[in-house]
Amino acid sequence: MKTTTKKIAVINDLSSFGRCSLTAAISVLSVMGVQACPLPTAILTAQTGYSSYYLDDYTDKMEYFRREWAKMGQNFDGIYTGFVAGEEQIRHIFHFIDTFDTPDTFLLVDPVMGDDGNKYDIFTSNLLKEMKKLARRADIITPNLTELCLLTDTDYEDIYKINDTHMRINAIKKLACSFQENGPEHIIVTGIRFMDKEGNAQMGNLYISENNSCLSAFPYIGESYSGTGDLFASCIAGGAVKGIPIPEVIRTAGKFLEASIADAVRLHIPGNDGVNYEKYLSMLF
């Protein structure tokens, strides 16, 4: 019987510096034995955290990818979306999904809109409106806490100011469950900072499904780096297409990121440059 490599259409930007977006997705998926088929939403000289960058918006080019891939008779085991430059791109993504989605195709949405309580420059109320629709159509979403609050119309400070770890995690879980109604089957809330019982700072990823929830955490080193969310979401996409249970992938991705971040801290890598993940890709085999 002929076997083919699993393929994921990755709809995201390409940033030359920052070790994020398509750069992260292509390398992670490739090492996991999955073919990444990139559909760029924008080409940037550097990710938007840098003080100066040039962005070439690909909104008017996205339809060419959909049309040409449809002519080729392509099909995908997964569709994975990340950074979008505006709400019009999300409408193109819906057209792409309508063309290539099948009962055997999963949709993972990383709803890139903000972090640490702050909205990114691309954020608008119309973008949020369309992102809510896209996230509800997904099988898996990977928002950080800021993005989960935006999706659920919740004040970030109301969650952030909860000092008790157990109460904070429960509050986040409640928000995720409320969004799951007529929405994604799996939600992974990334980058949750909290203190463990010994008073040590931790960074956790909270997984919520209809019948399961679990928190996977590793020591918080105290630095924030570009691209960690993209690396994490790419691990989840690769695991999903290979049929690996999500909690298992979360644990593996956490160890991979912990090693990559620790290496970047040790070498004093600037946060905008991203983490030294390349040498740890073997952890994802």
Protein backbone atom coordinates (compact mmCIF):
# COMPACT_ATOMS: atom_id res chain seq x y z
CA MET A 1 0.00 0.00 0.00
CA LYS A 2 1.30 3.42 -0.93
CA THR A 3 1.88 5.74 2.02
CA THR A 4 2.25 9.50 1.85
CA THR A 5 3.70 12.09 4.20
CA LYS A 6 1.16 13.90 6.34
CA LYS A 7 0.63 17.48 5.15
CA ILE A 8 -0.44 20.60 7.03
CA ALA A 9 -1.31 23.89 5.36
CA VAL A 10 0.29 26.54 7.57
CA ILE A 11 -1.30 29.98 7.17
CA ASN A 12 1.03 32.42 8.91
CA ASP A 13 3.51 35.22 8.32
CA LEU A 14 7.16 34.81 7.40
CA SER A 15 9.48 36.94 9.52
CA SER A 16 13.15 36.97 8.63
CA PHE A 17 14.21 37.67 12.24
CA GLY A 18 12.56 36.58 15.47
CA ARG A 19 12.48 32.77 15.09
CA CYS A 20 8.71 32.73 14.90
CA SER A 21 5.70 32.09 12.68
CA LEU A 22 6.51 30.11 9.51
CA THR A 23 10.19 29.79 10.41
CA ALA A 24 9.20 28.01 13.61
CA ALA A 25 6.38 25.98 12.08
CA ILE A 26 8.34 24.65 9.10
CA SER A 27 11.29 23.47 11.20
CA VAL A 28 9.17 21.91 13.97
CA LEU A 29 6.76 20.13 11.63
CA SER A 30 9.60 18.91 9.41
CA VAL A 31 11.52 17.33 12.26
CA MET A 32 8.28 15.66 13.40
CA GLY A 33 7.99 14.04 9.98
CA VAL A 34 5.17 16.27 8.72
CA GLN A 35 5.22 18.32 5.50
CA ALA A 36 4.54 22.00 6.15
CA CYS A 37 2.87 23.73 3.18
CA PRO A 38 3.23 27.47 3.88
CA LEU A 39 0.66 30.06 2.85
CA PRO A 40 2.16 33.41 3.89
CA THR A 41 -0.17 36.11 5.22
CA ALA A 42 2.66 38.65 5.21
CA ILE A 43 6.41 38.86 4.64
CA LEU A 44 8.31 40.84 7.28
CA THR A 45 11.94 41.86 7.54
CA ALA A 46 11.62 41.11 11.27
CA GLN A 47 8.81 40.25 13.66
CA THR A 48 6.74 43.17 14.94
CA GLY A 49 8.43 43.34 18.35
CA TYR A 50 11.49 45.01 16.81
CA SER A 51 11.67 48.80 16.81
CA SER A 52 11.61 48.92 13.01
CA TYR A 53 10.41 46.46 10.38
CA TYR A 54 8.92 46.33 6.88
CA LEU A 55 5.70 44.36 6.35
CA ASP A 56 4.53 43.24 2.92
CA ASP A 57 0.82 42.40 3.29
CA TYR A 58 -0.15 39.26 1.35
CA THR A 59 -3.93 39.65 1.58
CA ASP A 60 -4.33 40.03 -2.19
CA LYS A 61 -2.11 37.00 -2.84
CA MET A 62 -3.80 34.48 -0.54
CA GLU A 63 -6.48 33.61 -3.10
CA TYR A 64 -3.81 32.58 -5.62
CA PHE A 65 -2.54 29.92 -3.21
CA ARG A 66 -6.05 28.54 -2.61
CA ARG A 67 -6.88 28.54 -6.33
CA GLU A 68 -3.62 26.95 -7.49
CA TRP A 69 -3.62 24.30 -4.78
CA ALA A 70 -7.22 23.44 -5.68
CA LYS A 71 -6.19 23.07 -9.35
CA MET A 72 -3.46 20.67 -8.24
CA GLY A 73 -6.02 18.57 -6.39
CA GLN A 74 -4.14 18.99 -3.13
CA ASN A 75 -5.53 17.83 0.18
CA PHE A 76 -4.36 18.39 3.72
CA ASP A 77 -4.43 16.39 6.93
CA GLY A 78 -4.46 19.62 8.91
CA ILE A 79 -4.89 23.38 8.53
CA TYR A 80 -3.04 25.56 11.03
CA THR A 81 -3.50 29.33 11.20
CA GLY A 82 -1.42 31.94 13.03
CA PHE A 83 -0.72 35.64 12.47
CA VAL A 84 -3.16 37.50 10.24
CA ALA A 85 -2.70 41.11 9.13
CA GLY A 86 -6.42 41.97 9.31
CA GLU A 87 -10.00 40.71 9.23
CA GLU A 88 -10.02 40.43 5.42
CA GLN A 89 -7.39 37.70 5.68
CA ILE A 90 -9.66 35.70 7.97
CA ARG A 91 -12.35 35.82 5.28
CA HIS A 92 -9.79 34.36 2.85
CA ILE A 93 -9.01 31.68 5.44
CA PHE A 94 -12.70 30.71 5.62
CA HIS A 95 -12.71 30.34 1.82
CA PHE A 96 -9.57 28.18 2.09
CA ILE A 97 -11.19 26.01 4.77
CA ASP A 98 -14.38 25.63 2.71
CA THR A 99 -12.22 24.39 -0.19
CA PHE A 100 -9.92 21.97 1.64
CA ASP A 101 -11.64 20.92 4.85
CA THR A 102 -12.72 17.27 5.01
CA PRO A 103 -14.00 15.06 7.84
CA ASP A 104 -10.39 13.87 8.26
CA THR A 105 -8.83 17.36 8.33
CA PHE A 106 -8.26 19.09 11.65
CA LEU A 107 -8.19 22.87 12.06
CA LEU A 108 -5.86 24.44 14.61
CA VAL A 109 -6.21 28.18 15.22
CA ASP A 110 -3.61 30.17 17.12
CA PRO A 111 -5.61 33.41 17.64
CA VAL A 112 -2.71 35.88 17.55
CA MET A 113 -4.01 39.17 18.99
CA GLY A 114 -1.97 40.13 22.06
CA ASP A 115 0.00 39.08 25.13
CA ASP A 116 0.58 40.11 28.76
CA GLY A 117 -2.68 42.04 28.77
CA ASN A 118 -1.69 44.14 25.75
CA LYS A 119 -3.18 44.04 22.25
CA TYR A 120 -0.88 43.88 19.24
CA ASP A 121 -0.81 46.75 16.72
CA ILE A 122 -2.88 44.71 14.25
CA PHE A 123 -5.80 44.43 16.70
CA THR A 124 -9.18 45.95 15.82
CA SER A 125 -12.72 45.21 16.92
CA ASN A 126 -13.45 43.82 13.44
CA LEU A 127 -10.43 41.51 13.67
CA LEU A 128 -11.70 40.20 17.01
CA LYS A 129 -15.17 39.63 15.55
CA GLU A 130 -13.79 37.52 12.71
CA MET A 131 -11.26 35.75 14.95
CA LYS A 132 -14.06 34.62 17.26
CA LYS A 133 -15.81 33.03 14.27
CA LEU A 134 -12.62 31.31 13.13
CA ALA A 135 -11.74 30.05 16.61
CA ARG A 136 -15.23 28.63 17.10
CA ARG A 137 -14.88 26.67 13.87
CA ALA A 138 -11.56 25.16 14.94
CA ASP A 139 -10.95 21.72 16.44
CA ILE A 140 -8.03 23.04 18.52
CA ILE A 141 -7.16 26.58 19.63
CA THR A 142 -4.01 27.70 21.44
CA PRO A 143 -4.67 31.17 22.91
CA ASN A 144 -2.55 32.74 25.58
CA LEU A 145 -4.42 34.22 28.55
CA THR A 146 -4.74 37.65 26.91
CA GLU A 147 -6.24 36.10 23.78
CA LEU A 148 -8.61 33.88 25.76
CA CYS A 149 -9.86 36.99 27.57
CA LEU A 150 -10.40 38.76 24.23
CA LEU A 151 -12.28 35.78 22.82
CA THR A 152 -14.56 35.65 25.88
CA ASP A 153 -14.99 39.44 26.35
CA THR A 154 -13.28 39.25 29.74
CA ASP A 155 -11.14 41.91 31.42
CA TYR A 156 -7.62 40.49 31.59
CA GLU A 157 -6.98 42.25 34.90
CA ASP A 158 -9.91 40.43 36.51
CA ILE A 159 -8.05 37.15 35.97
CA TYR A 160 -4.50 38.41 36.45
CA LYS A 161 -5.23 39.93 39.87
CA ILE A 162 -6.40 36.58 41.31
CA ASN A 163 -3.49 35.71 43.60
CA ASP A 164 -4.60 32.24 44.67
CA THR A 165 -3.21 29.81 42.07
CA HIS A 166 -6.03 27.28 42.39
CA MET A 167 -8.67 29.97 42.02
CA ARG A 168 -6.89 31.54 39.04
CA ILE A 169 -6.58 28.23 37.19
CA ASN A 170 -10.25 27.48 37.87
CA ALA A 171 -11.23 30.92 36.57
CA ILE A 172 -9.25 30.33 33.37
CA LYS A 173 -10.77 26.88 32.99
CA LYS A 174 -14.26 28.37 33.36
CA LEU A 175 -13.54 30.91 30.60
CA ALA A 176 -12.26 28.17 28.29
CA CYS A 177 -15.30 25.98 28.95
CA SER A 178 -17.63 28.87 28.17
CA PHE A 179 -15.96 29.30 24.77
CA GLN A 180 -16.15 25.57 24.05
CA GLU A 181 -19.94 25.72 23.81
CA ASN A 182 -20.57 25.40 20.05
CA GLY A 183 -16.84 25.87 19.61
CA PRO A 184 -13.51 23.99 19.59
CA GLU A 185 -13.25 20.55 21.15
CA HIS A 186 -9.77 21.24 22.50
CA ILE A 187 -8.46 24.45 24.09
CA ILE A 188 -4.89 24.90 25.30
CA VAL A 189 -4.29 28.13 27.20
CA THR A 190 -0.57 28.84 26.96
CA GLY A 191 1.94 30.76 29.05
CA ILE A 192 0.06 30.87 32.38
CA ARG A 193 2.38 32.16 35.10
CA PHE A 194 1.76 31.06 38.67
CA MET A 195 3.48 30.06 41.93
CA ASP A 196 3.62 26.42 42.98
CA LYS A 197 3.13 25.18 46.56
CA GLU A 198 6.83 25.72 47.30
CA GLY A 199 6.66 29.34 46.12
CA ASN A 200 8.52 28.71 42.86
CA ALA A 201 7.49 30.61 39.73
CA GLN A 202 6.06 28.31 37.07
CA MET A 203 4.93 28.63 33.46
CA GLY A 204 1.98 26.42 32.61
CA ASN A 205 -0.13 25.28 29.68
CA LEU A 206 -3.72 24.39 30.58
CA TYR A 207 -5.49 21.80 28.44
CA ILE A 208 -9.29 21.66 28.45
CA SER A 209 -11.54 19.25 26.58
CA GLU A 210 -15.07 18.08 27.26
CA ASN A 211 -13.91 15.14 29.38
CA ASN A 212 -10.44 16.13 30.51
CA SER A 213 -8.33 18.98 31.82
CA CYS A 214 -4.72 19.09 32.93
CA LEU A 215 -2.04 21.65 33.69
CA SER A 216 1.49 21.00 32.48
CA ALA A 217 4.13 23.35 33.87
CA PHE A 218 7.86 24.01 33.99
CA PRO A 219 9.98 26.57 35.89
CA TYR A 220 9.46 30.17 34.78
CA ILE A 221 12.87 31.63 34.03
CA GLY A 222 11.70 35.24 34.06
CA GLU A 223 12.26 36.12 30.42
CA SER A 224 9.84 36.54 27.51
CA TYR A 225 10.91 35.45 24.03
CA SER A 226 9.56 35.84 20.52
CA GLY A 227 8.14 32.75 18.86
CA THR A 228 7.57 30.48 21.85
CA GLY A 229 3.82 30.43 21.18
CA ASP A 230 4.45 29.54 17.53
CA LEU A 231 6.81 26.74 18.49
CA PHE A 232 4.28 25.37 20.96
CA ALA A 233 1.34 25.52 18.54
CA SER A 234 3.47 23.87 15.84
CA CYS A 235 4.24 20.99 18.20
CA ILE A 236 0.52 20.57 18.89
CA ALA A 237 -0.28 20.60 15.15
CA GLY A 238 2.40 18.01 14.42
CA GLY A 239 1.23 15.79 17.25
CA ALA A 240 -2.42 16.08 16.19
CA VAL A 241 -1.75 15.00 12.62
CA LYS A 242 0.24 12.01 13.91
CA GLY A 243 -2.50 10.99 16.33
CA ILE A 244 -0.49 11.58 19.52
CA PRO A 245 -2.69 12.38 22.56
CA ILE A 246 -2.68 16.13 23.18
CA PRO A 247 -1.61 15.95 26.87
CA GLU A 248 1.44 13.92 25.79
CA VAL A 249 2.35 16.47 23.11
CA ILE A 250 1.94 19.32 25.62
CA ARG A 251 4.43 17.67 27.98
CA THR A 252 6.95 17.08 25.20
CA ALA A 253 6.55 20.63 23.89
CA GLY A 254 7.00 21.99 27.42
CA LYS A 255 10.29 20.16 27.88
CA PHE A 256 11.46 21.29 24.43
CA LEU A 257 10.64 24.93 25.20
CA GLU A 258 12.11 24.78 28.70
CA ALA A 259 15.46 23.64 27.27
CA SER A 260 15.33 26.22 24.46
CA ILE A 261 14.48 29.12 26.78
CA ALA A 262 17.11 28.14 29.35
CA ASP A 263 19.72 28.10 26.60
CA ALA A 264 18.68 31.56 25.39
CA VAL A 265 18.82 32.95 28.93
CA ARG A 266 22.24 31.43 29.53
CA LEU A 267 23.60 33.05 26.37
CA HIS A 268 21.82 36.39 27.01
CA ILE A 269 19.87 36.25 23.75
CA PRO A 270 17.59 39.32 23.36
CA GLY A 271 13.91 38.51 23.69
CA ASN A 272 13.06 39.76 20.19
CA ASP A 273 15.54 37.31 18.67
CA GLY A 274 13.68 34.25 19.94
CA VAL A 275 14.96 31.14 21.69
CA ASN A 276 17.78 28.78 20.71
CA TYR A 277 15.39 26.00 19.77
CA GLU A 278 17.23 24.57 16.75
CA LYS A 279 19.67 22.44 18.77
CA TYR A 280 16.77 20.88 20.73
CA LEU A 281 14.58 19.83 17.81
CA SER A 282 15.69 16.23 18.34
CA MET A 283 13.53 16.21 21.49
CA LEU A 284 10.48 16.19 19.19
CA PHE A 285 11.32 13.00 17.24
